[in-house]
């Protein structure tokens, strides 16, 4: 029974700490843009189109069909 005098305040303290961390994350804007990070990876500014040779892209052809 004496253990409850230690366990209940510890449990309440941990619960309040978790609640405070969650409230801080809400206040700091952690959940404002949920889809932005998922779409940002698809639209990188450093992407460039694949260069092709004048006769087409030789990398896609089998070696027996390539024009030398």
Protein backbone atom coordinates (compact mmCIF):
# COMPACT_ATOMS: atom_id res chain seq x y z
CA UNK A 1 0.00 0.00 0.00
CA UNK A 2 2.90 2.36 0.64
CA UNK A 3 4.06 1.82 -2.93
CA UNK A 4 0.99 3.68 -4.20
CA UNK A 5 2.16 6.84 -2.47
CA UNK A 6 5.20 6.75 -4.76
CA UNK A 7 3.67 5.32 -7.92
CA UNK A 8 0.65 7.62 -8.23
CA UNK A 9 2.64 10.90 -8.16
CA UNK A 10 5.20 9.43 -10.58
CA UNK A 11 2.42 8.36 -12.98
CA UNK A 12 0.74 11.76 -12.75
CA UNK A 13 4.07 13.51 -13.31
CA UNK A 14 4.83 11.43 -16.40
CA UNK A 15 1.32 12.04 -17.75
CA UNK A 16 1.58 15.78 -17.22
CA UNK A 17 5.03 15.80 -18.84
CA UNK A 18 3.64 14.02 -21.90
CA UNK A 19 0.68 16.39 -22.06
CA UNK A 20 2.99 19.41 -21.77
CA UNK A 21 5.21 18.07 -24.58
CA UNK A 22 2.16 17.53 -26.79
CA UNK A 23 0.82 21.03 -26.07
CA UNK A 24 4.25 22.49 -26.84
CA UNK A 25 4.33 20.66 -30.19
CA UNK A 26 0.90 22.06 -31.05
CA UNK A 27 1.95 25.58 -30.10
CA UNK A 28 5.19 25.41 -32.10
CA UNK A 29 3.36 24.35 -35.29
CA UNK A 30 4.54 20.76 -35.61
CA UNK A 31 1.20 19.62 -37.07
CA UNK A 32 0.40 22.60 -39.32
CA UNK A 33 1.52 21.15 -42.67
CA UNK A 34 1.01 17.38 -42.71
CA UNK A 35 1.14 16.86 -46.49
CA UNK A 36 3.81 19.41 -47.38
CA UNK A 37 6.79 17.25 -46.49
CA UNK A 38 5.37 14.31 -48.42
CA UNK A 39 4.93 16.40 -51.56
CA UNK A 40 8.11 18.45 -51.19
CA UNK A 41 10.25 15.40 -51.89
CA UNK A 42 8.55 15.01 -55.29
CA UNK A 43 9.19 18.60 -56.39
CA UNK A 44 12.87 19.19 -55.81
CA UNK A 45 14.28 22.20 -57.62
CA UNK A 46 17.51 20.46 -58.58
CA UNK A 47 15.74 17.93 -60.82
CA UNK A 48 16.57 18.18 -64.50
CA UNK A 49 15.29 16.23 -67.49
CA UNK A 50 17.35 13.34 -68.82
CA UNK A 51 19.48 14.35 -71.80
CA UNK A 52 18.98 12.39 -74.98
CA UNK A 53 21.34 11.92 -77.91
CA UNK A 54 20.32 13.35 -81.33
CA UNK A 55 19.34 9.88 -82.56
CA UNK A 56 17.37 9.09 -79.43
CA UNK A 57 18.47 7.80 -76.10
CA UNK A 58 21.04 5.09 -76.78
CA UNK A 59 21.02 3.95 -73.16
CA UNK A 60 17.57 2.41 -73.57
CA UNK A 61 18.44 0.30 -76.58
CA UNK A 62 20.01 -3.16 -76.48
CA UNK A 63 23.64 -3.22 -77.62
CA UNK A 64 22.79 -5.14 -80.83
CA UNK A 65 20.49 -2.31 -82.04
CA UNK A 66 22.70 0.67 -81.16
CA UNK A 67 23.93 2.78 -84.03
CA UNK A 68 27.69 3.38 -84.01
